[in-house]
Amino acid sequence: MHMDWQRNLGSIDRIVRTVIGLLIIGLVLLKVLTGIWAVLAVLFAVVQFAEALFAY
């Protein structure tokens, strides 16, 4: 089976995902989100950055 991985994010999607990631990181740095919520938020932000970077 051959899997063809094509990019499926446009430039606007990539920008939106980057902004979301930055906002989440900002909330953690400002200590609006703490504890387990901060950990989950950082993981979510990393996923957003990865999707924006690789556009998949």
C-alpha atoms as a PDB file:
ATOM      1  CA  MET A   1       0.000   0.000   0.000  1.00  0.00           C
ATOM      2  CA  HIS A   2       1.390   3.385  -1.028  1.00  0.00           C
ATOM      3  CA  MET A   3       0.489   6.398   1.070  1.00  0.00           C
ATOM      4  CA  ASP A   4       0.844   9.759  -0.593  1.00  0.00           C
ATOM      5  CA  TRP A   5       1.227  12.480   2.042  1.00  0.00           C
ATOM      6  CA  GLN A   6       0.221  15.760   0.470  1.00  0.00           C
ATOM      7  CA  ARG A   7       0.224  19.094   2.198  1.00  0.00           C
ATOM      8  CA  ASN A   8      -3.286  20.164   3.085  1.00  0.00           C
ATOM      9  CA  LEU A   9      -2.845  23.451   4.945  1.00  0.00           C
ATOM     10  CA  GLY A  10      -2.868  26.789   3.221  1.00  0.00           C
ATOM     11  CA  SER A  11      -0.908  29.797   4.354  1.00  0.00           C
ATOM     12  CA  ILE A  12      -3.854  31.253   6.296  1.00  0.00           C
ATOM     13  CA  ASP A  13      -4.303  27.973   8.192  1.00  0.00           C
ATOM     14  CA  ARG A  14      -0.628  27.949   9.062  1.00  0.00           C
ATOM     15  CA  ILE A  15      -0.769  31.531  10.332  1.00  0.00           C
ATOM     16  CA  VAL A  16      -3.866  30.825  12.441  1.00  0.00           C
ATOM     17  CA  ARG A  17      -2.271  27.723  13.993  1.00  0.00           C
ATOM     18  CA  THR A  18       0.894  29.687  14.792  1.00  0.00           C
ATOM     19  CA  VAL A  19      -1.099  32.495  16.415  1.00  0.00           C
ATOM     20  CA  ILE A  20      -3.107  29.995  18.470  1.00  0.00           C
ATOM     21  CA  GLY A  21       0.118  28.361  19.634  1.00  0.00           C
ATOM     22  CA  LEU A  22       1.621  31.709  20.593  1.00  0.00           C
ATOM     23  CA  LEU A  23      -1.500  32.754  22.498  1.00  0.00           C
ATOM     24  CA  ILE A  24      -1.528  29.511  24.453  1.00  0.00           C
ATOM     25  CA  ILE A  25       2.165  29.813  25.302  1.00  0.00           C
ATOM     26  CA  GLY A  26       1.490  33.407  26.382  1.00  0.00           C
ATOM     27  CA  LEU A  27      -1.285  32.262  28.736  1.00  0.00           C
ATOM     28  CA  VAL A  28       1.074  29.756  30.309  1.00  0.00           C
ATOM     29  CA  LEU A  29       3.888  32.289  30.683  1.00  0.00           C
ATOM     30  CA  LEU A  30       1.508  34.797  32.269  1.00  0.00           C
ATOM     31  CA  LYS A  31       0.381  32.028  34.648  1.00  0.00           C
ATOM     32  CA  VAL A  32      -3.240  32.263  33.551  1.00  0.00           C
ATOM     33  CA  LEU A  33      -3.040  28.502  33.052  1.00  0.00           C
ATOM     34  CA  THR A  34      -1.273  26.529  35.750  1.00  0.00           C
ATOM     35  CA  GLY A  35      -0.772  22.951  36.848  1.00  0.00           C
ATOM     36  CA  ILE A  36      -2.007  20.171  34.613  1.00  0.00           C
ATOM     37  CA  TRP A  37      -3.842  22.690  32.427  1.00  0.00           C
ATOM     38  CA  ALA A  38      -0.551  24.400  31.645  1.00  0.00           C
ATOM     39  CA  VAL A  39       1.041  21.088  30.692  1.00  0.00           C
ATOM     40  CA  LEU A  40      -1.871  20.185  28.430  1.00  0.00           C
ATOM     41  CA  ALA A  41      -1.880  23.675  26.917  1.00  0.00           C
ATOM     42  CA  VAL A  42       1.830  23.500  26.104  1.00  0.00           C
ATOM     43  CA  LEU A  43       1.366  20.089  24.481  1.00  0.00           C
ATOM     44  CA  PHE A  44      -1.513  21.462  22.422  1.00  0.00           C
ATOM     45  CA  ALA A  45       0.565  24.497  21.431  1.00  0.00           C
ATOM     46  CA  VAL A  46       3.449  22.251  20.330  1.00  0.00           C
ATOM     47  CA  VAL A  47       1.049  20.274  18.155  1.00  0.00           C
ATOM     48  CA  GLN A  48      -0.212  23.517  16.616  1.00  0.00           C
ATOM     49  CA  PHE A  49       3.346  24.646  15.871  1.00  0.00           C
ATOM     50  CA  ALA A  50       4.223  21.261  14.357  1.00  0.00           C
ATOM     51  CA  GLU A  51       1.165  21.292  12.114  1.00  0.00           C
ATOM     52  CA  ALA A  52       1.930  24.850  11.017  1.00  0.00           C
ATOM     53  CA  LEU A  53       5.576  23.988  10.366  1.00  0.00           C
ATOM     54  CA  PHE A  54       4.991  20.827   8.348  1.00  0.00           C
ATOM     55  CA  ALA A  55       1.581  21.822   6.884  1.00  0.00           C
ATOM     56  CA  TYR A  56       0.157  18.330   7.174  1.00  0.00           C
END
